[in-house]
């Protein structure tokens, strides 16, 4: 069992390699950038997005310009291309989820995504399964009504 757990952790770490290194520890931790600086929540508020490389270049046009990774970022910005970031967390398509509804109720990014400001590289470290969400809803005295998150037949 222990060997299987280690293997799963290794596979997960490999799967999370990003096309350009990004440290949440530097950006959200040391620099204290708010999550919404890089992850805006456009209407209607279901998803958080990632800003275009041009936004990154507002700082990186003068910071770490000699870095090959920043040079790739600058090239993407110049060409108007997005970076194909590898998703770390994903909600199944059959779940109705709104980031905005959660943040409006005081749920923090760290509540669901862990202490990202302490991480150079993110890995999935919190339980966003139905069970994990229900535990959180129970702890915060939020509704456990199935129709809150799922489209039910006949409704």
C-alpha atoms as a PDB file:
ATOM      1  CA  UNK A   1       0.000   0.000   0.000  1.00  0.00           C
ATOM      2  CA  UNK A   2       2.801   2.407   0.911  1.00  0.00           C
ATOM      3  CA  UNK A   3       4.510   1.736  -2.432  1.00  0.00           C
ATOM      4  CA  UNK A   4       1.255   2.506  -4.276  1.00  0.00           C
ATOM      5  CA  UNK A   5       0.840   5.799  -2.386  1.00  0.00           C
ATOM      6  CA  UNK A   6       4.395   6.837  -3.244  1.00  0.00           C
ATOM      7  CA  UNK A   7       3.842   5.936  -6.879  1.00  0.00           C
ATOM      8  CA  UNK A   8       0.637   7.989  -7.009  1.00  0.00           C
ATOM      9  CA  UNK A   9       2.427  10.973  -5.463  1.00  0.00           C
ATOM     10  CA  UNK A  10       5.242  10.691  -8.016  1.00  0.00           C
ATOM     11  CA  UNK A  11       2.790  10.466 -10.931  1.00  0.00           C
ATOM     12  CA  UNK A  12       0.840  13.424  -9.569  1.00  0.00           C
ATOM     13  CA  UNK A  13       4.013  15.519  -9.240  1.00  0.00           C
ATOM     14  CA  UNK A  14       5.019  14.721 -12.826  1.00  0.00           C
ATOM     15  CA  UNK A  15       1.525  15.502 -14.093  1.00  0.00           C
ATOM     16  CA  UNK A  16       1.688  18.969 -12.569  1.00  0.00           C
ATOM     17  CA  UNK A  17       4.797  20.131 -14.454  1.00  0.00           C
ATOM     18  CA  UNK A  18       3.887  23.498 -15.898  1.00  0.00           C
ATOM     19  CA  UNK A  19       5.057  24.844 -19.282  1.00  0.00           C
ATOM     20  CA  UNK A  20       6.639  27.811 -17.481  1.00  0.00           C
ATOM     21  CA  UNK A  21       7.768  27.526 -13.857  1.00  0.00           C
ATOM     22  CA  UNK A  22       5.551  29.558 -11.554  1.00  0.00           C
ATOM     23  CA  UNK A  23       6.026  29.922  -7.804  1.00  0.00           C
ATOM     24  CA  UNK A  24       2.967  30.753  -5.751  1.00  0.00           C
ATOM     25  CA  UNK A  25       5.403  31.013  -2.826  1.00  0.00           C
ATOM     26  CA  UNK A  26       7.089  33.982  -4.518  1.00  0.00           C
ATOM     27  CA  UNK A  27       4.022  35.660  -6.025  1.00  0.00           C
ATOM     28  CA  UNK A  28       1.308  35.048  -3.395  1.00  0.00           C
ATOM     29  CA  UNK A  29       3.693  34.521  -0.475  1.00  0.00           C
ATOM     30  CA  UNK A  30       6.661  36.875  -0.529  1.00  0.00           C
ATOM     31  CA  UNK A  31       5.100  39.476  -2.854  1.00  0.00           C
ATOM     32  CA  UNK A  32       1.642  39.186  -1.247  1.00  0.00           C
ATOM     33  CA  UNK A  33      -0.210  39.360  -4.579  1.00  0.00           C
ATOM     34  CA  UNK A  34      -3.909  38.668  -4.112  1.00  0.00           C
ATOM     35  CA  UNK A  35      -5.174  35.507  -5.825  1.00  0.00           C
ATOM     36  CA  UNK A  36      -7.475  37.607  -8.028  1.00  0.00           C
ATOM     37  CA  UNK A  37      -4.445  39.425  -9.476  1.00  0.00           C
ATOM     38  CA  UNK A  38      -3.627  36.323 -11.523  1.00  0.00           C
ATOM     39  CA  UNK A  39      -6.939  34.468 -11.225  1.00  0.00           C
ATOM     40  CA  UNK A  40      -9.809  36.837 -12.126  1.00  0.00           C
ATOM     41  CA  UNK A  41     -13.378  35.603 -11.686  1.00  0.00           C
ATOM     42  CA  UNK A  42     -15.335  36.819 -14.733  1.00  0.00           C
ATOM     43  CA  UNK A  43     -19.133  36.827 -14.819  1.00  0.00           C
ATOM     44  CA  UNK A  44     -21.093  34.758 -14.092  1.00  0.00           C
ATOM     45  CA  UNK A  45     -18.484  33.699 -11.529  1.00  0.00           C
ATOM     46  CA  UNK A  46     -18.330  29.935 -11.871  1.00  0.00           C
ATOM     47  CA  UNK A  47     -14.668  29.697 -12.785  1.00  0.00           C
ATOM     48  CA  UNK A  48     -11.436  31.396 -11.909  1.00  0.00           C
ATOM     49  CA  UNK A  49      -9.312  32.121 -14.951  1.00  0.00           C
ATOM     50  CA  UNK A  50      -5.618  32.764 -15.504  1.00  0.00           C
ATOM     51  CA  UNK A  51      -4.516  36.112 -16.875  1.00  0.00           C
ATOM     52  CA  UNK A  52      -2.909  36.449 -20.275  1.00  0.00           C
ATOM     53  CA  UNK A  53       0.896  36.628 -20.464  1.00  0.00           C
ATOM     54  CA  UNK A  54       0.647  40.367 -21.154  1.00  0.00           C
ATOM     55  CA  UNK A  55      -0.527  40.861 -17.549  1.00  0.00           C
ATOM     56  CA  UNK A  56       2.523  38.965 -16.274  1.00  0.00           C
ATOM     57  CA  UNK A  57       4.725  41.186 -18.399  1.00  0.00           C
ATOM     58  CA  UNK A  58       3.524  44.271 -16.537  1.00  0.00           C
ATOM     59  CA  UNK A  59       6.103  43.253 -13.925  1.00  0.00           C
ATOM     60  CA  UNK A  60       8.301  40.851 -15.845  1.00  0.00           C
ATOM     61  CA  UNK A  61       9.247  43.393 -18.516  1.00  0.00           C
ATOM     62  CA  UNK A  62      11.717  44.575 -15.854  1.00  0.00           C
ATOM     63  CA  UNK A  63      11.996  41.587 -13.457  1.00  0.00           C
ATOM     64  CA  UNK A  64      14.017  38.440 -14.276  1.00  0.00           C
ATOM     65  CA  UNK A  65      14.180  39.399 -17.948  1.00  0.00           C
ATOM     66  CA  UNK A  66      17.286  37.233 -18.432  1.00  0.00           C
ATOM     67  CA  UNK A  67      15.385  34.102 -17.378  1.00  0.00           C
ATOM     68  CA  UNK A  68      14.667  31.697 -20.273  1.00  0.00           C
ATOM     69  CA  UNK A  69      11.219  31.049 -18.771  1.00  0.00           C
ATOM     70  CA  UNK A  70      10.412  34.773 -18.675  1.00  0.00           C
ATOM     71  CA  UNK A  71      11.708  35.108 -22.238  1.00  0.00           C
ATOM     72  CA  UNK A  72       9.216  32.389 -23.292  1.00  0.00           C
ATOM     73  CA  UNK A  73       6.500  34.280 -21.399  1.00  0.00           C
ATOM     74  CA  UNK A  74       7.481  37.524 -23.154  1.00  0.00           C
ATOM     75  CA  UNK A  75       7.349  35.804 -26.547  1.00  0.00           C
ATOM     76  CA  UNK A  76       3.863  34.461 -25.797  1.00  0.00           C
ATOM     77  CA  UNK A  77       2.741  37.940 -24.726  1.00  0.00           C
ATOM     78  CA  UNK A  78       4.187  39.516 -27.873  1.00  0.00           C
ATOM     79  CA  UNK A  79       2.400  36.920 -30.051  1.00  0.00           C
ATOM     80  CA  UNK A  80      -0.845  37.220 -28.091  1.00  0.00           C
ATOM     81  CA  UNK A  81      -0.737  33.528 -27.169  1.00  0.00           C
ATOM     82  CA  UNK A  82      -1.911  31.981 -23.926  1.00  0.00           C
ATOM     83  CA  UNK A  83       0.272  29.665 -21.876  1.00  0.00           C
ATOM     84  CA  UNK A  84      -1.105  26.084 -21.865  1.00  0.00           C
ATOM     85  CA  UNK A  85      -1.077  25.782 -18.055  1.00  0.00           C
ATOM     86  CA  UNK A  86      -1.705  22.296 -16.689  1.00  0.00           C
ATOM     87  CA  UNK A  87      -4.815  22.229 -14.530  1.00  0.00           C
ATOM     88  CA  UNK A  88      -4.198  21.133 -10.925  1.00  0.00           C
ATOM     89  CA  UNK A  89      -7.791  21.114  -9.634  1.00  0.00           C
ATOM     90  CA  UNK A  90     -10.912  20.343 -11.652  1.00  0.00           C
ATOM     91  CA  UNK A  91     -14.557  19.962 -10.720  1.00  0.00           C
ATOM     92  CA  UNK A  92     -16.446  17.264 -12.651  1.00  0.00           C
ATOM     93  CA  UNK A  93     -18.722  18.632 -15.375  1.00  0.00           C
ATOM     94  CA  UNK A  94     -21.807  17.162 -13.679  1.00  0.00           C
ATOM     95  CA  UNK A  95     -21.286  19.403 -10.636  1.00  0.00           C
ATOM     96  CA  UNK A  96     -22.715  22.921 -10.585  1.00  0.00           C
ATOM     97  CA  UNK A  97     -20.061  24.979  -8.839  1.00  0.00           C
ATOM     98  CA  UNK A  98     -19.538  28.706  -8.490  1.00  0.00           C
ATOM     99  CA  UNK A  99     -16.330  30.155  -7.108  1.00  0.00           C
ATOM    100  CA  UNK A 100     -18.106  33.471  -6.591  1.00  0.00           C
ATOM    101  CA  UNK A 101     -20.907  31.984  -4.492  1.00  0.00           C
ATOM    102  CA  UNK A 102     -18.286  30.422  -2.245  1.00  0.00           C
ATOM    103  CA  UNK A 103     -16.063  33.506  -1.917  1.00  0.00           C
ATOM    104  CA  UNK A 104     -19.125  35.702  -1.336  1.00  0.00           C
ATOM    105  CA  UNK A 105     -19.868  33.460   1.686  1.00  0.00           C
ATOM    106  CA  UNK A 106     -16.354  33.958   3.061  1.00  0.00           C
ATOM    107  CA  UNK A 107     -14.724  30.775   1.787  1.00  0.00           C
ATOM    108  CA  UNK A 108     -11.064  31.525   1.070  1.00  0.00           C
ATOM    109  CA  UNK A 109      -8.969  30.147  -1.762  1.00  0.00           C
ATOM    110  CA  UNK A 110      -6.869  28.359   0.872  1.00  0.00           C
ATOM    111  CA  UNK A 111      -9.943  26.579   2.275  1.00  0.00           C
ATOM    112  CA  UNK A 112     -10.208  24.510  -0.906  1.00  0.00           C
ATOM    113  CA  UNK A 113      -6.750  24.727  -2.466  1.00  0.00           C
ATOM    114  CA  UNK A 114      -4.543  24.538   0.608  1.00  0.00           C
ATOM    115  CA  UNK A 115      -1.718  26.896   1.586  1.00  0.00           C
ATOM    116  CA  UNK A 116      -0.733  27.805  -1.974  1.00  0.00           C
ATOM    117  CA  UNK A 117       1.260  30.840  -0.794  1.00  0.00           C
ATOM    118  CA  UNK A 118       3.694  28.370   0.775  1.00  0.00           C
ATOM    119  CA  UNK A 119       4.172  26.304  -2.401  1.00  0.00           C
ATOM    120  CA  UNK A 120       6.691  26.704  -5.185  1.00  0.00           C
ATOM    121  CA  UNK A 121       4.893  24.058  -7.228  1.00  0.00           C
ATOM    122  CA  UNK A 122       1.259  23.181  -6.665  1.00  0.00           C
ATOM    123  CA  UNK A 123      -0.061  19.692  -6.255  1.00  0.00           C
ATOM    124  CA  UNK A 124      -3.590  18.684  -5.420  1.00  0.00           C
ATOM    125  CA  UNK A 125      -3.531  18.463  -1.639  1.00  0.00           C
ATOM    126  CA  UNK A 126      -7.117  18.949  -0.563  1.00  0.00           C
ATOM    127  CA  UNK A 127     -10.123  16.682  -1.022  1.00  0.00           C
ATOM    128  CA  UNK A 128     -12.488  18.222  -3.552  1.00  0.00           C
ATOM    129  CA  UNK A 129     -14.477  15.020  -3.917  1.00  0.00           C
ATOM    130  CA  UNK A 130     -18.163  14.984  -3.038  1.00  0.00           C
ATOM    131  CA  UNK A 131     -17.224  13.691   0.417  1.00  0.00           C
ATOM    132  CA  UNK A 132     -14.715  16.492   0.944  1.00  0.00           C
ATOM    133  CA  UNK A 133     -17.220  19.127  -0.144  1.00  0.00           C
ATOM    134  CA  UNK A 134     -19.918  17.648   2.088  1.00  0.00           C
ATOM    135  CA  UNK A 135     -17.537  17.666   5.072  1.00  0.00           C
ATOM    136  CA  UNK A 136     -16.867  21.348   4.458  1.00  0.00           C
ATOM    137  CA  UNK A 137     -20.579  22.122   4.029  1.00  0.00           C
ATOM    138  CA  UNK A 138     -21.303  20.297   7.293  1.00  0.00           C
ATOM    139  CA  UNK A 139     -18.533  22.145   9.147  1.00  0.00           C
ATOM    140  CA  UNK A 140     -19.715  25.524   7.820  1.00  0.00           C
ATOM    141  CA  UNK A 141     -23.403  24.655   8.286  1.00  0.00           C
ATOM    142  CA  UNK A 142     -24.066  25.068   4.551  1.00  0.00           C
ATOM    143  CA  UNK A 143     -26.826  23.230   2.729  1.00  0.00           C
ATOM    144  CA  UNK A 144     -26.388  19.558   1.888  1.00  0.00           C
ATOM    145  CA  UNK A 145     -29.334  19.585  -0.535  1.00  0.00           C
ATOM    146  CA  UNK A 146     -28.335  17.470  -3.561  1.00  0.00           C
ATOM    147  CA  UNK A 147     -29.968  19.967  -5.976  1.00  0.00           C
ATOM    148  CA  UNK A 148     -27.582  22.673  -4.757  1.00  0.00           C
ATOM    149  CA  UNK A 149     -24.714  21.082  -6.706  1.00  0.00           C
ATOM    150  CA  UNK A 150     -26.389  18.610  -9.043  1.00  0.00           C
ATOM    151  CA  UNK A 151     -29.088  18.802 -11.715  1.00  0.00           C
ATOM    152  CA  UNK A 152     -31.607  16.203 -10.647  1.00  0.00           C
ATOM    153  CA  UNK A 153     -33.939  14.436 -13.113  1.00  0.00           C
ATOM    154  CA  UNK A 154     -37.408  15.964 -13.206  1.00  0.00           C
ATOM    155  CA  UNK A 155     -36.349  19.327 -11.799  1.00  0.00           C
END
